[in-house]
Structure formats: structure tokens, C-alpha cells
Amino acid sequence: MTGKEHEEWALDDRDAKALIGVMLALQVAFLTVTMLWL
């Protein structure tokens, strides 16, 4: 694996973690709003 390929892989991994974080945040926000609404 070349350095460039490794950098791109690390970037993809970081993007995946960011996406998971955003999804979790949205889910928590949705649950909170649902709880407050009810």
C-alpha cells in the first residue's frame, strides 16, 4: 500500500466515522423531540 492510498483510506475511514456520528446525533435528537412532544 502506497502512502497516497493509505491517506485516502484514512480519509474514507474518518468520513465514515463522521457520518456515523451525525446519524447517532440525529437519532438522539429525534428521540428527544419525540419524548418532549409526547
N, C-alpha and C. Protein backbone atom coordinates (compact mmCIF):
# COMPACT_ATOMS: atom_id res chain seq x y z
N MET A 1 0.85 -1.20 0.00
CA MET A 1 0.00 0.00 0.00
C MET A 1 0.89 1.25 0.00
N THR A 2 0.67 2.13 -0.95
CA THR A 2 1.47 3.35 -1.02
C THR A 2 0.97 4.37 -0.01
N GLY A 3 1.79 5.39 0.24
CA GLY A 3 1.40 6.42 1.20
C GLY A 3 0.12 7.13 0.78
N LYS A 4 -0.01 7.39 -0.54
CA LYS A 4 -1.20 8.09 -1.03
C LYS A 4 -2.45 7.25 -0.80
N GLU A 5 -2.36 5.96 -1.11
CA GLU A 5 -3.52 5.07 -0.91
C GLU A 5 -3.89 5.01 0.57
N HIS A 6 -2.87 4.98 1.42
CA HIS A 6 -3.13 4.91 2.85
C HIS A 6 -3.84 6.18 3.32
N GLU A 7 -3.41 7.33 2.80
CA GLU A 7 -4.05 8.60 3.18
C GLU A 7 -5.51 8.62 2.75
N GLU A 8 -5.77 8.16 1.54
CA GLU A 8 -7.15 8.13 1.04
C GLU A 8 -8.01 7.19 1.87
N TRP A 9 -7.43 6.06 2.27
CA TRP A 9 -8.18 5.10 3.08
C TRP A 9 -8.51 5.71 4.44
N ALA A 10 -7.52 6.41 5.02
CA ALA A 10 -7.73 7.04 6.33
C ALA A 10 -8.82 8.11 6.22
N LEU A 11 -8.82 8.84 5.10
CA LEU A 11 -9.83 9.88 4.91
C LEU A 11 -11.22 9.25 4.81
N ASP A 12 -11.33 8.15 4.06
CA ASP A 12 -12.62 7.46 3.94
C ASP A 12 -13.08 6.96 5.31
N ASP A 13 -12.14 6.45 6.11
CA ASP A 13 -12.48 5.93 7.43
C ASP A 13 -12.99 7.07 8.32
N ARG A 14 -12.34 8.22 8.22
CA ARG A 14 -12.75 9.36 9.03
C ARG A 14 -14.13 9.85 8.60
N ASP A 15 -14.36 9.88 7.29
CA ASP A 15 -15.67 10.29 6.78
C ASP A 15 -16.76 9.33 7.28
N ALA A 16 -16.44 8.04 7.30
CA ALA A 16 -17.41 7.04 7.76
C ALA A 16 -17.74 7.27 9.23
N LYS A 17 -16.71 7.56 10.04
CA LYS A 17 -16.93 7.81 11.47
C LYS A 17 -17.76 9.08 11.66
N ALA A 18 -17.49 10.10 10.84
CA ALA A 18 -18.24 11.35 10.94
C ALA A 18 -19.71 11.11 10.59
N LEU A 19 -19.93 10.30 9.55
CA LEU A 19 -21.29 10.00 9.12
C LEU A 19 -22.04 9.25 10.22
N ILE A 20 -21.37 8.28 10.85
CA ILE A 20 -21.99 7.52 11.95
C ILE A 20 -22.32 8.47 13.10
N GLY A 21 -21.41 9.39 13.39
CA GLY A 21 -21.64 10.35 14.47
C GLY A 21 -22.85 11.22 14.19
N VAL A 22 -22.97 11.66 12.94
CA VAL A 22 -24.11 12.51 12.55
C VAL A 22 -25.42 11.72 12.66
N MET A 23 -25.39 10.47 12.20
CA MET A 23 -26.59 9.64 12.26
C MET A 23 -27.03 9.42 13.71
N LEU A 24 -26.06 9.16 14.60
CA LEU A 24 -26.38 8.96 16.01
C LEU A 24 -26.94 10.24 16.62
N ALA A 25 -26.34 11.37 16.27
CA ALA A 25 -26.81 12.65 16.80
C ALA A 25 -28.25 12.92 16.36
N LEU A 26 -28.55 12.63 15.09
CA LEU A 26 -29.90 12.84 14.58
C LEU A 26 -30.89 11.91 15.28
N GLN A 27 -30.46 10.67 15.52
CA GLN A 27 -31.34 9.71 16.18
C GLN A 27 -31.66 10.16 17.61
N VAL A 28 -30.63 10.63 18.31
CA VAL A 28 -30.82 11.11 19.68
C VAL A 28 -31.73 12.33 19.68
N ALA A 29 -31.50 13.25 18.74
CA ALA A 29 -32.33 14.45 18.65
C ALA A 29 -33.78 14.08 18.36
N PHE A 30 -33.98 13.12 17.45
CA PHE A 30 -35.33 12.69 17.10
C PHE A 30 -36.03 12.08 18.31
N LEU A 31 -35.31 11.23 19.05
CA LEU A 31 -35.90 10.60 20.24
C LEU A 31 -36.25 11.65 21.29
N THR A 32 -35.36 12.63 21.47
CA THR A 32 -35.60 13.69 22.45
C THR A 32 -36.85 14.49 22.08
N VAL A 33 -36.96 14.86 20.81
CA VAL A 33 -38.13 15.62 20.35
C VAL A 33 -39.40 14.80 20.52
N THR A 34 -39.31 13.51 20.21
CA THR A 34 -40.48 12.63 20.36
C THR A 34 -40.91 12.55 21.82
N MET A 35 -39.95 12.41 22.72
CA MET A 35 -40.25 12.34 24.15
C MET A 35 -40.91 13.63 24.63
N LEU A 36 -40.35 14.77 24.22
CA LEU A 36 -40.90 16.06 24.63
C LEU A 36 -42.28 16.29 24.03
N TRP A 37 -42.46 15.86 22.79
CA TRP A 37 -43.74 16.05 22.10
C TRP A 37 -44.84 15.26 22.81
N LEU A 38 -44.50 14.03 23.22
CA LEU A 38 -45.48 13.20 23.92
C LEU A 38 -45.52 13.63 25.38
